[in-house]
Amino acid sequence: MILDPEINLLEKTELWIEGMTLQGVRLDEIAATVADVFGLERREVLVVDVREDHIVLDILRPVLKSRQIAGKGNELLKRISDIPGVTLSDQACIHSEGALGWVALDAVESQKAIEQSARMGQEIRERVAKRAIVFSTGFEVERGMIADTNYPLIDQRLKEEGYTVKFGGILPDEPGAIAYQLQRALDEGFGLIITTGGVGAEAKDCTVEALLRVDPAAATPYIIKFKIGTGRHVKEGVRIGVGEVGISRFVALPGPTREVKLGMDRLLEALARKWDKAETAEHIAAALREIWRGHAHGMGHSAKSGDE
């Protein structure tokens, strides 16, 4: 396997080239040469400062593959020295205060750095993947009108699978507030972010809509469809959601504990099989449709798959 982990420059994006003098040189040609060596688009590199014996460039892409920069120092100096009007001294060198400093490594050092970064990245992914946070939704839970039986169930199931679990609290029936908490959980490094409730067809149900604000490409299959305007239904049905941002997975489950239990069974199966978000969402939805099927037929509704 070829290792090529990603490197986040963490806002340290300046690259210094010292020991060089310029005479009638086009700065965009220097920037273009650096971009070519790093495999970047030319608009992603700018010359931001020019002094008598050095220049400073800014890399505008925040995340790079390690092999784009590691050990590229000699090649970069050679390519720049070929630009008409550029003169490099015997002490010419390249450096950066951040990860861009990898450019100055030699071949052996570069390979060691890449391997170490890959190991660290894998360790981080494994730790994040096993950190879970669970949110409940709904004013009836928030006001203590009904007991929250979902979190204890999810907490137990996840801990049996080796997860560390945190209760994130009870979310209001408001998409902006829910989306904010989901994004915050993502920023705090939770690999599995679960909500229960708020996936129905009433006006107050907005968990899936909030999930779509965080991941617009989330998979949101229906488990039952209604005729809009029937009873309190202002949406065409009940759906669950599975989203993904980076290495974190979001799962929006229904509120009834029976459905949460079945949904968790299917979710854990999907996670064990490393299914993508679309496969995971459909696996969960297919099981939940069976619960609704008899009830739906008796009321003249339909339990359907996907976007039928």
C-alpha atoms as a PDB file:
ATOM      1  CA  MET A   1       0.000   0.000   0.000  1.00  0.00           C
ATOM      2  CA  ILE A   2       1.338   3.433  -0.937  1.00  0.00           C
ATOM      3  CA  LEU A   3       1.113   5.797   2.000  1.00  0.00           C
ATOM      4  CA  ASP A   4       0.059   9.335   1.174  1.00  0.00           C
ATOM      5  CA  PRO A   5      -1.632  10.881   4.213  1.00  0.00           C
ATOM      6  CA  GLU A   6      -3.168  14.328   4.097  1.00  0.00           C
ATOM      7  CA  ILE A   7      -1.420  17.224   5.825  1.00  0.00           C
ATOM      8  CA  ASN A   8      -3.440  20.103   7.246  1.00  0.00           C
ATOM      9  CA  LEU A   9      -1.316  23.229   7.012  1.00  0.00           C
ATOM     10  CA  LEU A  10      -3.163  24.721  10.022  1.00  0.00           C
ATOM     11  CA  GLU A  11      -2.934  28.262   8.606  1.00  0.00           C
ATOM     12  CA  LYS A  12       0.878  28.079   8.385  1.00  0.00           C
ATOM     13  CA  THR A  13       0.821  28.404   4.614  1.00  0.00           C
ATOM     14  CA  GLU A  14       3.854  30.595   3.920  1.00  0.00           C
ATOM     15  CA  LEU A  15       6.892  29.186   2.136  1.00  0.00           C
ATOM     16  CA  TRP A  16      10.194  31.071   2.175  1.00  0.00           C
ATOM     17  CA  ILE A  17      12.837  30.746  -0.527  1.00  0.00           C
ATOM     18  CA  GLU A  18      16.052  32.318   0.711  1.00  0.00           C
ATOM     19  CA  GLY A  19      19.381  33.014  -0.984  1.00  0.00           C
ATOM     20  CA  MET A  20      17.930  34.243  -4.267  1.00  0.00           C
ATOM     21  CA  THR A  21      18.085  37.492  -6.199  1.00  0.00           C
ATOM     22  CA  LEU A  22      15.776  38.604  -8.971  1.00  0.00           C
ATOM     23  CA  GLN A  23      16.292  40.697 -12.091  1.00  0.00           C
ATOM     24  CA  GLY A  24      13.297  41.464 -14.300  1.00  0.00           C
ATOM     25  CA  VAL A  25      11.437  38.316 -13.207  1.00  0.00           C
ATOM     26  CA  ARG A  26       7.688  37.813 -13.531  1.00  0.00           C
ATOM     27  CA  LEU A  27       6.402  36.861 -10.097  1.00  0.00           C
ATOM     28  CA  ASP A  28       3.528  34.886 -11.564  1.00  0.00           C
ATOM     29  CA  GLU A  29       6.103  32.657 -13.282  1.00  0.00           C
ATOM     30  CA  ILE A  30       7.702  31.828  -9.918  1.00  0.00           C
ATOM     31  CA  ALA A  31       4.285  31.098  -8.408  1.00  0.00           C
ATOM     32  CA  ALA A  32       3.383  28.920 -11.390  1.00  0.00           C
ATOM     33  CA  THR A  33       6.613  26.946 -11.024  1.00  0.00           C
ATOM     34  CA  VAL A  34       5.954  26.262  -7.336  1.00  0.00           C
ATOM     35  CA  ALA A  35       2.393  25.226  -8.158  1.00  0.00           C
ATOM     36  CA  ASP A  36       3.606  22.819 -10.829  1.00  0.00           C
ATOM     37  CA  VAL A  37       6.140  21.176  -8.503  1.00  0.00           C
ATOM     38  CA  PHE A  38       3.511  20.749  -5.758  1.00  0.00           C
ATOM     39  CA  GLY A  39       0.812  19.558  -8.140  1.00  0.00           C
ATOM     40  CA  LEU A  40      -1.430  22.535  -7.396  1.00  0.00           C
ATOM     41  CA  GLU A  41      -3.516  24.756  -9.604  1.00  0.00           C
ATOM     42  CA  ARG A  42      -1.629  27.914 -10.481  1.00  0.00           C
ATOM     43  CA  ARG A  43      -4.203  30.143  -8.789  1.00  0.00           C
ATOM     44  CA  GLU A  44      -3.440  28.330  -5.491  1.00  0.00           C
ATOM     45  CA  VAL A  45       0.043  29.857  -5.115  1.00  0.00           C
ATOM     46  CA  LEU A  46       0.811  33.554  -4.673  1.00  0.00           C
ATOM     47  CA  VAL A  47       4.017  35.524  -4.150  1.00  0.00           C
ATOM     48  CA  VAL A  48       3.208  37.708  -1.145  1.00  0.00           C
ATOM     49  CA  ASP A  49       6.578  39.332  -0.341  1.00  0.00           C
ATOM     50  CA  VAL A  50       9.808  40.091  -2.175  1.00  0.00           C
ATOM     51  CA  ARG A  51      13.047  41.162  -0.479  1.00  0.00           C
ATOM     52  CA  GLU A  52      16.638  41.585  -1.648  1.00  0.00           C
ATOM     53  CA  ASP A  53      17.642  37.996  -0.910  1.00  0.00           C
ATOM     54  CA  HIS A  54      14.379  36.047  -0.513  1.00  0.00           C
ATOM     55  CA  ILE A  55      10.743  35.779  -1.480  1.00  0.00           C
ATOM     56  CA  VAL A  56       7.705  34.523   0.418  1.00  0.00           C
ATOM     57  CA  LEU A  57       4.908  32.546  -1.186  1.00  0.00           C
ATOM     58  CA  ASP A  58       1.484  31.654   0.179  1.00  0.00           C
ATOM     59  CA  ILE A  59      -0.147  28.284  -0.496  1.00  0.00           C
ATOM     60  CA  LEU A  60      -3.911  28.759  -0.728  1.00  0.00           C
ATOM     61  CA  ARG A  61      -4.944  25.097  -0.424  1.00  0.00           C
ATOM     62  CA  PRO A  62      -5.290  24.266   3.313  1.00  0.00           C
ATOM     63  CA  VAL A  63      -4.825  20.489   3.007  1.00  0.00           C
ATOM     64  CA  LEU A  64      -2.201  18.737   0.881  1.00  0.00           C
ATOM     65  CA  LYS A  65      -1.177  15.169   0.291  1.00  0.00           C
ATOM     66  CA  SER A  66       2.166  14.448   1.928  1.00  0.00           C
ATOM     67  CA  ARG A  67       3.821  13.360  -1.308  1.00  0.00           C
ATOM     68  CA  GLN A  68       2.955  16.686  -2.915  1.00  0.00           C
ATOM     69  CA  ILE A  69       5.526  18.447  -0.756  1.00  0.00           C
ATOM     70  CA  ALA A  70       7.758  15.976   1.088  1.00  0.00           C
ATOM     71  CA  GLY A  71      11.304  16.019  -0.243  1.00  0.00           C
ATOM     72  CA  LYS A  72      10.499  18.378  -3.131  1.00  0.00           C
ATOM     73  CA  GLY A  73      13.064  21.005  -2.055  1.00  0.00           C
ATOM     74  CA  ASN A  74      15.865  20.189  -4.516  1.00  0.00           C
ATOM     75  CA  GLU A  75      13.450  19.868  -7.433  1.00  0.00           C
ATOM     76  CA  LEU A  76      11.827  23.168  -6.534  1.00  0.00           C
ATOM     77  CA  LEU A  77      15.146  25.031  -6.306  1.00  0.00           C
ATOM     78  CA  LYS A  78      16.279  23.544  -9.622  1.00  0.00           C
ATOM     79  CA  ARG A  79      13.066  24.542 -11.391  1.00  0.00           C
ATOM     80  CA  ILE A  80      13.191  28.066  -9.974  1.00  0.00           C
ATOM     81  CA  SER A  81      16.854  28.495 -10.940  1.00  0.00           C
ATOM     82  CA  ASP A  82      15.864  27.783 -14.552  1.00  0.00           C
ATOM     83  CA  ILE A  83      13.587  30.837 -14.629  1.00  0.00           C
ATOM     84  CA  PRO A  84      15.300  33.688 -16.543  1.00  0.00           C
ATOM     85  CA  GLY A  85      16.398  36.463 -14.163  1.00  0.00           C
ATOM     86  CA  VAL A  86      16.578  34.228 -11.062  1.00  0.00           C
ATOM     87  CA  THR A  87      19.946  33.711  -9.388  1.00  0.00           C
ATOM     88  CA  LEU A  88      20.378  31.301  -6.488  1.00  0.00           C
ATOM     89  CA  SER A  89      23.348  31.422  -4.129  1.00  0.00           C
ATOM     90  CA  ASP A  90      25.161  28.338  -2.847  1.00  0.00           C
ATOM     91  CA  GLN A  91      23.246  28.773   0.440  1.00  0.00           C
ATOM     92  CA  ALA A  92      19.820  28.908  -1.192  1.00  0.00           C
ATOM     93  CA  CYS A  93      17.231  27.052   0.865  1.00  0.00           C
ATOM     94  CA  ILE A  94      13.516  26.631   1.451  1.00  0.00           C
ATOM     95  CA  HIS A  95      11.765  26.651   4.800  1.00  0.00           C
ATOM     96  CA  SER A  96       8.393  27.083   6.470  1.00  0.00           C
ATOM     97  CA  GLU A  97       7.194  27.405  10.050  1.00  0.00           C
ATOM     98  CA  GLY A  98       4.603  24.687   9.528  1.00  0.00           C
ATOM     99  CA  ALA A  99       4.076  21.407   7.717  1.00  0.00           C
ATOM    100  CA  LEU A 100       5.341  22.941   4.484  1.00  0.00           C
ATOM    101  CA  GLY A 101       8.784  22.461   6.026  1.00  0.00           C
ATOM    102  CA  TRP A 102       8.520  18.869   4.777  1.00  0.00           C
ATOM    103  CA  VAL A 103       9.642  20.232   1.417  1.00  0.00           C
ATOM    104  CA  ALA A 104      13.206  20.478   2.745  1.00  0.00           C
ATOM    105  CA  LEU A 105      13.464  16.836   3.864  1.00  0.00           C
ATOM    106  CA  ASP A 106      15.688  14.399   2.008  1.00  0.00           C
ATOM    107  CA  ALA A 107      14.332  11.161   0.539  1.00  0.00           C
ATOM    108  CA  VAL A 108      14.891   9.023   3.659  1.00  0.00           C
ATOM    109  CA  GLU A 109      13.529  11.674   6.003  1.00  0.00           C
ATOM    110  CA  SER A 110      10.527  12.193   3.722  1.00  0.00           C
ATOM    111  CA  GLN A 111       9.590   8.515   3.772  1.00  0.00           C
ATOM    112  CA  LYS A 112       9.907   8.361   7.558  1.00  0.00           C
ATOM    113  CA  ALA A 113       7.750  11.468   7.945  1.00  0.00           C
ATOM    114  CA  ILE A 114       5.090  10.095   5.606  1.00  0.00           C
ATOM    115  CA  GLU A 115       4.966   6.759   7.437  1.00  0.00           C
ATOM    116  CA  GLN A 116       4.781   8.453  10.843  1.00  0.00           C
ATOM    117  CA  SER A 117       2.018  10.778   9.638  1.00  0.00           C
ATOM    118  CA  ALA A 118       0.058   7.845   8.243  1.00  0.00           C
ATOM    119  CA  ARG A 119       0.296   5.985  11.556  1.00  0.00           C
ATOM    120  CA  MET A 120      -0.783   9.041  13.511  1.00  0.00           C
ATOM    121  CA  GLY A 121      -3.654   9.669  11.103  1.00  0.00           C
ATOM    122  CA  GLN A 122      -4.872   6.087  11.446  1.00  0.00           C
ATOM    123  CA  GLU A 123      -4.692   6.267  15.244  1.00  0.00           C
ATOM    124  CA  ILE A 124      -6.700   9.495  15.226  1.00  0.00           C
ATOM    125  CA  ARG A 125      -9.322   8.016  12.881  1.00  0.00           C
ATOM    126  CA  GLU A 126      -9.694   4.951  15.104  1.00  0.00           C
ATOM    127  CA  ARG A 127     -10.096   7.054  18.260  1.00  0.00           C
ATOM    128  CA  VAL A 128     -12.598   9.418  16.643  1.00  0.00           C
ATOM    129  CA  ALA A 129     -14.605   6.535  15.182  1.00  0.00           C
ATOM    130  CA  LYS A 130     -15.244   5.165  18.669  1.00  0.00           C
ATOM    131  CA  ARG A 131     -16.377   8.480  20.197  1.00  0.00           C
ATOM    132  CA  ALA A 132     -20.165   8.813  20.133  1.00  0.00           C
ATOM    133  CA  ILE A 133     -22.573  11.524  21.216  1.00  0.00           C
ATOM    134  CA  VAL A 134     -26.342  11.104  21.441  1.00  0.00           C
ATOM    135  CA  PHE A 135     -29.015  13.816  21.321  1.00  0.00           C
ATOM    136  CA  SER A 136     -32.702  13.533  22.092  1.00  0.00           C
ATOM    137  CA  THR A 137     -35.260  15.956  20.653  1.00  0.00           C
ATOM    138  CA  GLY A 138     -38.676  17.274  21.516  1.00  0.00           C
ATOM    139  CA  PHE A 139     -40.364  19.568  24.023  1.00  0.00           C
ATOM    140  CA  GLU A 140     -42.128  16.598  25.658  1.00  0.00           C
ATOM    141  CA  VAL A 141     -38.769  15.117  26.636  1.00  0.00           C
ATOM    142  CA  GLU A 142     -37.279  18.494  27.531  1.00  0.00           C
ATOM    143  CA  ARG A 143     -40.163  19.291  29.893  1.00  0.00           C
ATOM    144  CA  GLY A 144     -40.058  15.867  31.524  1.00  0.00           C
ATOM    145  CA  MET A 145     -43.504  14.958  30.213  1.00  0.00           C
ATOM    146  CA  ILE A 146     -42.124  11.622  29.004  1.00  0.00           C
ATOM    147  CA  ALA A 147     -39.061   9.659  30.053  1.00  0.00           C
ATOM    148  CA  ASP A 148     -36.128   9.501  27.660  1.00  0.00           C
ATOM    149  CA  THR A 149     -35.805   5.745  27.168  1.00  0.00           C
ATOM    150  CA  ASN A 150     -33.747   6.101  24.000  1.00  0.00           C
ATOM    151  CA  TYR A 151     -30.451   7.364  25.376  1.00  0.00           C
ATOM    152  CA  PRO A 152     -30.017   4.519  27.937  1.00  0.00           C
ATOM    153  CA  LEU A 153     -30.677   1.971  25.178  1.00  0.00           C
ATOM    154  CA  ILE A 154     -28.231   3.572  22.729  1.00  0.00           C
ATOM    155  CA  ASP A 155     -25.653   4.116  25.463  1.00  0.00           C
ATOM    156  CA  GLN A 156     -25.711   0.431  26.413  1.00  0.00           C
ATOM    157  CA  ARG A 157     -25.570  -0.843  22.826  1.00  0.00           C
ATOM    158  CA  LEU A 158     -22.665   1.394  21.865  1.00  0.00           C
ATOM    159  CA  LYS A 159     -20.658   0.646  24.992  1.00  0.00           C
ATOM    160  CA  GLU A 160     -21.058  -3.074  24.265  1.00  0.00           C
ATOM    161  CA  GLU A 161     -19.313  -2.339  20.954  1.00  0.00           C
ATOM    162  CA  GLY A 162     -16.422  -0.484  22.567  1.00  0.00           C
ATOM    163  CA  TYR A 163     -17.612   3.108  22.118  1.00  0.00           C
ATOM    164  CA  THR A 164     -17.249   5.905  24.623  1.00  0.00           C
ATOM    165  CA  VAL A 165     -20.613   7.651  24.787  1.00  0.00           C
ATOM    166  CA  LYS A 166     -21.708  11.135  25.833  1.00  0.00           C
ATOM    167  CA  PHE A 167     -25.232  12.481  26.211  1.00  0.00           C
ATOM    168  CA  GLY A 168     -25.409  15.706  24.229  1.00  0.00           C
ATOM    169  CA  GLY A 169     -28.667  16.913  25.737  1.00  0.00           C
ATOM    170  CA  ILE A 170     -32.184  17.519  24.470  1.00  0.00           C
ATOM    171  CA  LEU A 171     -32.483  19.533  21.279  1.00  0.00           C
ATOM    172  CA  PRO A 172     -35.293  21.992  20.601  1.00  0.00           C
ATOM    173  CA  ASP A 173     -37.618  21.581  17.620  1.00  0.00           C
ATOM    174  CA  GLU A 174     -35.741  24.188  15.609  1.00  0.00           C
ATOM    175  CA  PRO A 175     -33.524  23.309  12.620  1.00  0.00           C
ATOM    176  CA  GLY A 176     -30.941  26.047  13.168  1.00  0.00           C
ATOM    177  CA  ALA A 177     -30.357  25.071  16.784  1.00  0.00           C
ATOM    178  CA  ILE A 178     -30.115  21.383  15.920  1.00  0.00           C
ATOM    179  CA  ALA A 179     -27.715  22.033  13.039  1.00  0.00           C
ATOM    180  CA  TYR A 180     -25.538  24.138  15.349  1.00  0.00           C
ATOM    181  CA  GLN A 181     -25.264  21.302  17.884  1.00  0.00           C
ATOM    182  CA  LEU A 182     -24.519  18.748  15.170  1.00  0.00           C
ATOM    183  CA  GLN A 183     -21.743  20.942  13.776  1.00  0.00           C
ATOM    184  CA  ARG A 184     -20.388  21.516  17.269  1.00  0.00           C
ATOM    185  CA  ALA A 185     -20.280  17.751  17.893  1.00  0.00           C
ATOM    186  CA  LEU A 186     -18.400  17.366  14.628  1.00  0.00           C
ATOM    187  CA  ASP A 187     -15.903  20.065  15.611  1.00  0.00           C
ATOM    188  CA  GLU A 188     -15.391  18.383  18.994  1.00  0.00           C
ATOM    189  CA  GLY A 189     -14.226  15.193  17.321  1.00  0.00           C
ATOM    190  CA  PHE A 190     -17.143  12.798  17.715  1.00  0.00           C
ATOM    191  CA  GLY A 191     -17.096  10.076  15.094  1.00  0.00           C
ATOM    192  CA  LEU A 192     -20.697   8.937  15.592  1.00  0.00           C
ATOM    193  CA  ILE A 193     -23.401  11.546  16.173  1.00  0.00           C
ATOM    194  CA  ILE A 194     -26.910  10.185  16.784  1.00  0.00           C
ATOM    195  CA  THR A 195     -30.234  11.973  17.197  1.00  0.00           C
ATOM    196  CA  THR A 196     -33.574  10.436  18.121  1.00  0.00           C
ATOM    197  CA  GLY A 197     -36.924  11.979  17.256  1.00  0.00           C
ATOM    198  CA  GLY A 198     -38.016  14.853  15.062  1.00  0.00           C
ATOM    199  CA  VAL A 199     -38.065  12.892  11.781  1.00  0.00           C
ATOM    200  CA  GLY A 200     -41.853  12.868  11.286  1.00  0.00           C
ATOM    201  CA  ALA A 201     -44.195  14.723   8.957  1.00  0.00           C
ATOM    202  CA  GLU A 202     -45.446  17.412  11.328  1.00  0.00           C
ATOM    203  CA  ALA A 203     -44.327  21.033  11.289  1.00  0.00           C
ATOM    204  CA  LYS A 204     -42.329  20.625  14.496  1.00  0.00           C
ATOM    205  CA  ASP A 205     -40.273  17.745  13.069  1.00  0.00           C
ATOM    206  CA  CYS A 206     -37.053  19.178  11.667  1.00  0.00           C
ATOM    207  CA  THR A 207     -34.132  16.891  12.577  1.00  0.00           C
ATOM    208  CA  VAL A 208     -33.586  15.666   9.025  1.00  0.00           C
ATOM    209  CA  GLU A 209     -33.733  19.229   7.718  1.00  0.00           C
ATOM    210  CA  ALA A 210     -31.082  20.195  10.273  1.00  0.00           C
ATOM    211  CA  LEU A 211     -28.896  17.256   9.226  1.00  0.00           C
ATOM    212  CA  LEU A 212     -29.104  18.405   5.607  1.00  0.00           C
ATOM    213  CA  ARG A 213     -27.689  21.764   6.633  1.00  0.00           C
ATOM    214  CA  VAL A 214     -24.571  20.008   7.933  1.00  0.00           C
ATOM    215  CA  ASP A 215     -24.362  17.450   5.120  1.00  0.00           C
ATOM    216  CA  PRO A 216     -26.442  18.540   2.088  1.00  0.00           C
ATOM    217  CA  ALA A 217     -25.728  15.151   0.483  1.00  0.00           C
ATOM    218  CA  ALA A 218     -27.011  13.108   3.438  1.00  0.00           C
ATOM    219  CA  ALA A 219     -29.044   9.997   2.578  1.00  0.00           C
ATOM    220  CA  THR A 220     -32.640  10.531   3.788  1.00  0.00           C
ATOM    221  CA  PRO A 221     -34.878   7.633   2.660  1.00  0.00           C
ATOM    222  CA  TYR A 222     -38.575   7.607   3.556  1.00  0.00           C
ATOM    223  CA  ILE A 223     -39.989   4.879   5.752  1.00  0.00           C
ATOM    224  CA  ILE A 224     -43.609   5.908   5.157  1.00  0.00           C
ATOM    225  CA  LYS A 225     -45.360   8.485   2.993  1.00  0.00           C
ATOM    226  CA  PHE A 226     -48.516  10.463   3.644  1.00  0.00           C
ATOM    227  CA  LYS A 227     -50.774  12.680   1.641  1.00  0.00           C
ATOM    228  CA  ILE A 228     -49.787  16.214   2.591  1.00  0.00           C
ATOM    229  CA  GLY A 229     -52.593  17.880   4.535  1.00  0.00           C
ATOM    230  CA  THR A 230     -53.834  14.649   6.074  1.00  0.00           C
ATOM    231  CA  GLY A 231     -54.241  15.282   9.783  1.00  0.00           C
ATOM    232  CA  ARG A 232     -51.211  17.215  11.085  1.00  0.00           C
ATOM    233  CA  HIS A 233     -48.973  16.115   8.198  1.00  0.00           C
ATOM    234  CA  VAL A 234     -47.370  19.064   6.449  1.00  0.00           C
ATOM    235  CA  LYS A 235     -44.615  16.982   4.859  1.00  0.00           C
ATOM    236  CA  GLU A 236     -44.917  13.988   2.587  1.00  0.00           C
ATOM    237  CA  GLY A 237     -43.667  11.414   5.032  1.00  0.00           C
ATOM    238  CA  VAL A 238     -41.375  10.125   7.747  1.00  0.00           C
ATOM    239  CA  ARG A 239     -37.736   9.646   6.853  1.00  0.00           C
ATOM    240  CA  ILE A 240     -34.508   8.898   8.632  1.00  0.00           C
ATOM    241  CA  GLY A 241     -31.103  10.334   7.795  1.00  0.00           C
ATOM    242  CA  VAL A 242     -27.483   9.272   7.591  1.00  0.00           C
ATOM    243  CA  GLY A 243     -24.861  11.890   6.827  1.00  0.00           C
ATOM    244  CA  GLU A 244     -21.092  12.008   6.708  1.00  0.00           C
ATOM    245  CA  VAL A 245     -18.581  14.807   7.046  1.00  0.00           C
ATOM    246  CA  GLY A 246     -14.929  13.798   6.986  1.00  0.00           C
ATOM    247  CA  ILE A 247     -14.576  10.716   9.182  1.00  0.00           C
ATOM    248  CA  SER A 248     -17.692  11.478  11.256  1.00  0.00           C
ATOM    249  CA  ARG A 249     -21.086   9.822  10.715  1.00  0.00           C
ATOM    250  CA  PHE A 250     -24.468  11.384  11.573  1.00  0.00           C
ATOM    251  CA  VAL A 251     -27.551   9.234  12.134  1.00  0.00           C
ATOM    252  CA  ALA A 252     -31.077  10.639  12.628  1.00  0.00           C
ATOM    253  CA  LEU A 253     -33.380   7.959  14.057  1.00  0.00           C
ATOM    254  CA  PRO A 254     -37.106   8.137  14.903  1.00  0.00           C
ATOM    255  CA  GLY A 255     -38.354   8.775  18.443  1.00  0.00           C
ATOM    256  CA  PRO A 256     -40.236   5.585  19.424  1.00  0.00           C
ATOM    257  CA  THR A 257     -37.914   3.330  21.408  1.00  0.00           C
ATOM    258  CA  ARG A 258     -39.006   0.226  19.503  1.00  0.00           C
ATOM    259  CA  GLU A 259     -37.840   1.881  16.287  1.00  0.00           C
ATOM    260  CA  VAL A 260     -34.643   3.127  17.908  1.00  0.00           C
ATOM    261  CA  LYS A 261     -33.782  -0.410  19.026  1.00  0.00           C
ATOM    262  CA  LEU A 262     -34.315  -1.796  15.538  1.00  0.00           C
ATOM    263  CA  GLY A 263     -32.480   1.137  13.987  1.00  0.00           C
ATOM    264  CA  MET A 264     -29.488   0.603  16.269  1.00  0.00           C
ATOM    265  CA  ASP A 265     -29.355  -3.091  15.350  1.00  0.00           C
ATOM    266  CA  ARG A 266     -29.174  -2.167  11.691  1.00  0.00           C
ATOM    267  CA  LEU A 267     -26.770   0.725  12.259  1.00  0.00           C
ATOM    268  CA  LEU A 268     -24.257  -1.437  14.096  1.00  0.00           C
ATOM    269  CA  GLU A 269     -24.453  -4.053  11.345  1.00  0.00           C
ATOM    270  CA  ALA A 270     -23.747  -1.393   8.727  1.00  0.00           C
ATOM    271  CA  LEU A 271     -20.844   0.080  10.696  1.00  0.00           C
ATOM    272  CA  ALA A 272     -19.293  -3.369  11.110  1.00  0.00           C
ATOM    273  CA  ARG A 273     -19.540  -3.906   7.360  1.00  0.00           C
ATOM    274  CA  LYS A 274     -18.157  -0.417   6.639  1.00  0.00           C
ATOM    275  CA  TRP A 275     -21.091   0.496   4.419  1.00  0.00           C
ATOM    276  CA  ASP A 276     -21.385   4.011   3.039  1.00  0.00           C
ATOM    277  CA  LYS A 277     -24.068   6.420   4.178  1.00  0.00           C
ATOM    278  CA  ALA A 278     -26.535   5.517   1.428  1.00  0.00           C
ATOM    279  CA  GLU A 279     -26.261   1.779   2.124  1.00  0.00           C
ATOM    280  CA  THR A 280     -26.491   2.397   5.866  1.00  0.00           C
ATOM    281  CA  ALA A 281     -29.557   4.616   5.571  1.00  0.00           C
ATOM    282  CA  GLU A 282     -31.420   2.153   3.359  1.00  0.00           C
ATOM    283  CA  HIS A 283     -30.498  -0.758   5.639  1.00  0.00           C
ATOM    284  CA  ILE A 284     -32.041   1.069   8.599  1.00  0.00           C
ATOM    285  CA  ALA A 285     -35.054   2.345   6.656  1.00  0.00           C
ATOM    286  CA  ALA A 286     -35.893  -1.091   5.239  1.00  0.00           C
ATOM    287  CA  ALA A 287     -36.283  -2.522   8.735  1.00  0.00           C
ATOM    288  CA  LEU A 288     -38.375   0.418   9.957  1.00  0.00           C
ATOM    289  CA  ARG A 289     -40.723   0.139   6.980  1.00  0.00           C
ATOM    290  CA  GLU A 290     -41.727  -3.320   8.176  1.00  0.00           C
ATOM    291  CA  ILE A 291     -42.975  -1.811  11.434  1.00  0.00           C
ATOM    292  CA  TRP A 292     -45.015   0.757   9.551  1.00  0.00           C
ATOM    293  CA  ARG A 293     -46.263  -1.476   6.743  1.00  0.00           C
ATOM    294  CA  GLY A 294     -49.336  -2.973   8.430  1.00  0.00           C
ATOM    295  CA  HIS A 295     -50.236   0.301  10.092  1.00  0.00           C
ATOM    296  CA  ALA A 296     -49.782   2.218   6.836  1.00  0.00           C
ATOM    297  CA  HIS A 297     -52.027  -0.094   4.806  1.00  0.00           C
ATOM    298  CA  GLY A 298     -54.743   0.137   7.428  1.00  0.00           C
ATOM    299  CA  MET A 299     -54.704   3.943   7.146  1.00  0.00           C
ATOM    300  CA  GLY A 300     -54.346   4.116   3.386  1.00  0.00           C
ATOM    301  CA  HIS A 301     -50.733   5.337   3.496  1.00  0.00           C
ATOM    302  CA  SER A 302     -47.720   3.751   1.880  1.00  0.00           C
ATOM    303  CA  ALA A 303     -44.423   2.532   3.256  1.00  0.00           C
ATOM    304  CA  LYS A 304     -41.997   3.125   0.400  1.00  0.00           C
ATOM    305  CA  SER A 305     -38.297   2.947  -0.266  1.00  0.00           C
ATOM    306  CA  GLY A 306     -35.995   5.707  -1.412  1.00  0.00           C
ATOM    307  CA  ASP A 307     -37.756   8.652  -3.022  1.00  0.00           C
ATOM    308  CA  GLU A 308     -40.657   6.733  -4.516  1.00  0.00           C
END
